[in-house]
Amino acid sequence: MDNMQKIDERKVMKYGSYTHTFVLPSIYVSDNKINSGDLFMIFRTQVNGIDALILIPKIKEQQMENNNLKRETAA
């Protein structure tokens, strides 16, 4: 978590009976070319003893796997 950078604060909105949502910051959406319907991997972790979520666009997760395969193949 060395490179963690605060971008913004967002309010959680209730959507239906059980779902809660928030809006992704536009700078993050444009930097990562996020489109409506894109999937995210959601990971739960602890940061300084506080429950936290990490969101990774599914395409980025696939790119990470491909990069790991390239490194293993090159070794």
N, C-alpha and C. Protein backbone atom coordinates (compact mmCIF):
# COMPACT_ATOMS: atom_id res chain seq x y z
N MET A 1 0.82 -1.20 0.00
CA MET A 1 0.00 0.00 0.00
C MET A 1 0.86 1.26 0.00
N ASP A 2 2.11 1.14 -0.42
CA ASP A 2 3.03 2.27 -0.43
C ASP A 2 2.56 3.41 -1.31
N ASN A 3 1.92 3.08 -2.43
CA ASN A 3 1.54 4.10 -3.40
C ASN A 3 0.07 4.50 -3.29
N MET A 4 -0.55 4.23 -2.15
CA MET A 4 -1.96 4.57 -2.00
C MET A 4 -2.12 6.09 -2.01
N GLN A 5 -3.05 6.57 -2.82
CA GLN A 5 -3.27 8.00 -2.99
C GLN A 5 -4.75 8.30 -2.84
N LYS A 6 -5.09 9.23 -1.97
CA LYS A 6 -6.49 9.63 -1.81
C LYS A 6 -6.89 10.49 -3.00
N ILE A 7 -7.97 10.11 -3.66
CA ILE A 7 -8.46 10.84 -4.82
C ILE A 7 -9.62 11.74 -4.44
N ASP A 8 -10.56 11.19 -3.66
CA ASP A 8 -11.80 11.90 -3.39
C ASP A 8 -12.54 11.20 -2.26
N GLU A 9 -13.63 11.79 -1.81
CA GLU A 9 -14.55 11.15 -0.87
C GLU A 9 -15.90 11.06 -1.56
N ARG A 10 -16.59 9.92 -1.37
CA ARG A 10 -17.88 9.70 -2.01
C ARG A 10 -18.90 9.22 -1.00
N LYS A 11 -20.15 9.64 -1.17
CA LYS A 11 -21.24 9.15 -0.32
C LYS A 11 -21.78 7.86 -0.89
N VAL A 12 -22.16 6.95 -0.01
CA VAL A 12 -22.80 5.70 -0.40
C VAL A 12 -24.28 5.97 -0.56
N MET A 13 -24.85 5.44 -1.65
CA MET A 13 -26.28 5.60 -1.93
C MET A 13 -26.95 4.23 -1.88
N LYS A 14 -28.14 4.18 -1.32
CA LYS A 14 -28.88 2.93 -1.29
C LYS A 14 -29.61 2.77 -2.62
N TYR A 15 -29.51 1.58 -3.19
CA TYR A 15 -30.11 1.28 -4.48
C TYR A 15 -30.94 0.02 -4.31
N GLY A 16 -32.24 0.15 -4.22
CA GLY A 16 -33.09 -1.00 -3.94
C GLY A 16 -33.07 -1.34 -2.46
N SER A 17 -33.42 -2.58 -2.15
CA SER A 17 -33.52 -3.00 -0.75
C SER A 17 -32.18 -3.39 -0.13
N TYR A 18 -31.27 -3.96 -0.92
CA TYR A 18 -30.06 -4.55 -0.35
C TYR A 18 -28.75 -4.01 -0.91
N THR A 19 -28.81 -3.24 -1.97
CA THR A 19 -27.59 -2.82 -2.66
C THR A 19 -27.22 -1.39 -2.29
N HIS A 20 -25.94 -1.18 -2.11
CA HIS A 20 -25.39 0.15 -1.87
C HIS A 20 -24.37 0.45 -2.96
N THR A 21 -24.36 1.68 -3.45
CA THR A 21 -23.48 2.05 -4.55
C THR A 21 -22.76 3.35 -4.24
N PHE A 22 -21.69 3.60 -5.00
CA PHE A 22 -21.05 4.90 -5.01
C PHE A 22 -20.49 5.12 -6.41
N VAL A 23 -20.23 6.36 -6.75
CA VAL A 23 -19.76 6.73 -8.09
C VAL A 23 -18.24 6.74 -8.09
N LEU A 24 -17.65 6.11 -9.12
CA LEU A 24 -16.19 6.14 -9.27
C LEU A 24 -15.75 7.54 -9.68
N PRO A 25 -14.64 8.01 -9.15
CA PRO A 25 -14.13 9.33 -9.55
C PRO A 25 -13.82 9.36 -11.06
N SER A 26 -14.20 10.44 -11.72
CA SER A 26 -14.04 10.53 -13.17
C SER A 26 -12.57 10.43 -13.59
N ILE A 27 -11.66 10.93 -12.79
CA ILE A 27 -10.22 10.83 -13.13
C ILE A 27 -9.80 9.37 -13.22
N TYR A 28 -10.31 8.53 -12.31
CA TYR A 28 -10.00 7.10 -12.32
C TYR A 28 -10.63 6.43 -13.54
N VAL A 29 -11.88 6.79 -13.84
CA VAL A 29 -12.58 6.21 -14.98
C VAL A 29 -11.85 6.54 -16.28
N SER A 30 -11.47 7.78 -16.46
CA SER A 30 -10.79 8.16 -17.71
C SER A 30 -9.38 7.59 -17.78
N ASP A 31 -8.64 7.62 -16.69
CA ASP A 31 -7.27 7.07 -16.69
C ASP A 31 -7.25 5.58 -17.01
N ASN A 32 -8.29 4.86 -16.60
CA ASN A 32 -8.32 3.40 -16.78
C ASN A 32 -9.28 2.95 -17.88
N LYS A 33 -9.82 3.92 -18.63
CA LYS A 33 -10.72 3.64 -19.75
C LYS A 33 -11.86 2.69 -19.34
N ILE A 34 -12.50 3.03 -18.21
CA ILE A 34 -13.61 2.24 -17.69
C ILE A 34 -14.87 2.58 -18.48
N ASN A 35 -15.61 1.54 -18.86
CA ASN A 35 -16.87 1.73 -19.60
C ASN A 35 -18.02 1.11 -18.81
N SER A 36 -19.21 1.58 -19.09
CA SER A 36 -20.41 1.01 -18.48
C SER A 36 -20.45 -0.48 -18.77
N GLY A 37 -20.71 -1.28 -17.75
CA GLY A 37 -20.77 -2.73 -17.92
C GLY A 37 -19.47 -3.46 -17.64
N ASP A 38 -18.36 -2.73 -17.49
CA ASP A 38 -17.07 -3.37 -17.17
C ASP A 38 -17.16 -4.06 -15.81
N LEU A 39 -16.47 -5.16 -15.68
CA LEU A 39 -16.45 -5.92 -14.43
C LEU A 39 -15.25 -5.52 -13.57
N PHE A 40 -15.45 -5.60 -12.25
CA PHE A 40 -14.38 -5.34 -11.30
C PHE A 40 -14.19 -6.55 -10.38
N MET A 41 -12.96 -6.83 -10.02
CA MET A 41 -12.65 -7.78 -8.97
C MET A 41 -12.66 -6.97 -7.68
N ILE A 42 -13.29 -7.48 -6.62
CA ILE A 42 -13.37 -6.76 -5.34
C ILE A 42 -12.68 -7.62 -4.29
N PHE A 43 -11.65 -7.06 -3.67
CA PHE A 43 -10.89 -7.75 -2.64
C PHE A 43 -11.07 -7.05 -1.31
N ARG A 44 -11.16 -7.83 -0.25
CA ARG A 44 -11.29 -7.28 1.11
C ARG A 44 -9.95 -7.47 1.82
N THR A 45 -9.49 -6.42 2.50
CA THR A 45 -8.21 -6.45 3.18
C THR A 45 -8.24 -5.55 4.40
N GLN A 46 -7.12 -5.40 5.05
CA GLN A 46 -6.96 -4.48 6.17
C GLN A 46 -5.88 -3.46 5.81
N VAL A 47 -6.14 -2.20 6.08
CA VAL A 47 -5.16 -1.12 5.89
C VAL A 47 -5.03 -0.41 7.22
N ASN A 48 -3.87 -0.52 7.83
CA ASN A 48 -3.64 0.08 9.15
C ASN A 48 -4.71 -0.34 10.14
N GLY A 49 -5.12 -1.62 10.08
CA GLY A 49 -6.09 -2.15 11.02
C GLY A 49 -7.54 -1.79 10.70
N ILE A 50 -7.78 -1.15 9.55
CA ILE A 50 -9.14 -0.75 9.16
C ILE A 50 -9.59 -1.62 7.99
N ASP A 51 -10.82 -2.16 8.07
CA ASP A 51 -11.39 -2.96 7.00
C ASP A 51 -11.44 -2.12 5.72
N ALA A 52 -10.96 -2.66 4.60
CA ALA A 52 -10.89 -1.89 3.35
C ALA A 52 -11.21 -2.78 2.16
N LEU A 53 -11.60 -2.14 1.06
CA LEU A 53 -11.83 -2.83 -0.20
C LEU A 53 -10.83 -2.35 -1.24
N ILE A 54 -10.42 -3.26 -2.10
CA ILE A 54 -9.58 -2.93 -3.24
C ILE A 54 -10.36 -3.32 -4.49
N LEU A 55 -10.51 -2.40 -5.42
CA LEU A 55 -11.24 -2.63 -6.67
C LEU A 55 -10.24 -2.68 -7.82
N ILE A 56 -10.29 -3.75 -8.61
CA ILE A 56 -9.41 -3.87 -9.77
C ILE A 56 -10.28 -4.19 -10.97
N PRO A 57 -10.21 -3.35 -12.02
CA PRO A 57 -10.97 -3.67 -13.22
C PRO A 57 -10.59 -5.06 -13.73
N LYS A 58 -11.56 -5.85 -14.12
CA LYS A 58 -11.33 -7.23 -14.56
C LYS A 58 -10.27 -7.29 -15.66
N ILE A 59 -10.28 -6.38 -16.60
CA ILE A 59 -9.30 -6.38 -17.69
C ILE A 59 -7.90 -6.21 -17.11
N LYS A 60 -7.75 -5.38 -16.07
CA LYS A 60 -6.45 -5.17 -15.45
C LYS A 60 -5.99 -6.45 -14.77
N GLU A 61 -6.92 -7.18 -14.14
CA GLU A 61 -6.59 -8.43 -13.48
C GLU A 61 -6.10 -9.44 -14.52
N GLN A 62 -6.74 -9.48 -15.69
CA GLN A 62 -6.31 -10.38 -16.75
C GLN A 62 -4.94 -9.98 -17.27
N GLN A 63 -4.67 -8.67 -17.38
CA GLN A 63 -3.36 -8.20 -17.82
C GLN A 63 -2.29 -8.59 -16.81
N MET A 64 -2.61 -8.51 -15.51
CA MET A 64 -1.67 -8.89 -14.47
C MET A 64 -1.32 -10.38 -14.59
N GLU A 65 -2.34 -11.22 -14.84
CA GLU A 65 -2.10 -12.65 -15.01
C GLU A 65 -1.22 -12.90 -16.23
N ASN A 66 -1.49 -12.21 -17.33
CA ASN A 66 -0.68 -12.36 -18.54
C ASN A 66 0.76 -11.94 -18.30
N ASN A 67 0.97 -10.84 -17.57
CA ASN A 67 2.32 -10.39 -17.25
C ASN A 67 3.05 -11.41 -16.40
N ASN A 68 2.36 -12.03 -15.44
CA ASN A 68 2.97 -13.06 -14.60
C ASN A 68 3.35 -14.28 -15.44
N LEU A 69 2.49 -14.65 -16.41
CA LEU A 69 2.80 -15.78 -17.28
C LEU A 69 4.03 -15.48 -18.13
N LYS A 70 4.13 -14.24 -18.65
CA LYS A 70 5.29 -13.85 -19.46
C LYS A 70 6.57 -13.95 -18.63
N ARG A 71 6.52 -13.50 -17.37
CA ARG A 71 7.70 -13.56 -16.50
C ARG A 71 8.11 -15.01 -16.23
N GLU A 72 7.11 -15.88 -15.97
CA GLU A 72 7.39 -17.29 -15.70
C GLU A 72 7.98 -17.97 -16.93
N THR A 73 7.45 -17.64 -18.10
CA THR A 73 7.92 -18.23 -19.35
C THR A 73 9.35 -17.78 -19.67
N ALA A 74 9.64 -16.51 -19.37
CA ALA A 74 10.97 -15.95 -19.65
C ALA A 74 12.03 -16.54 -18.73
N ALA A 75 11.63 -16.99 -17.54
CA ALA A 75 12.62 -17.50 -16.56
C ALA A 75 13.14 -18.87 -16.92
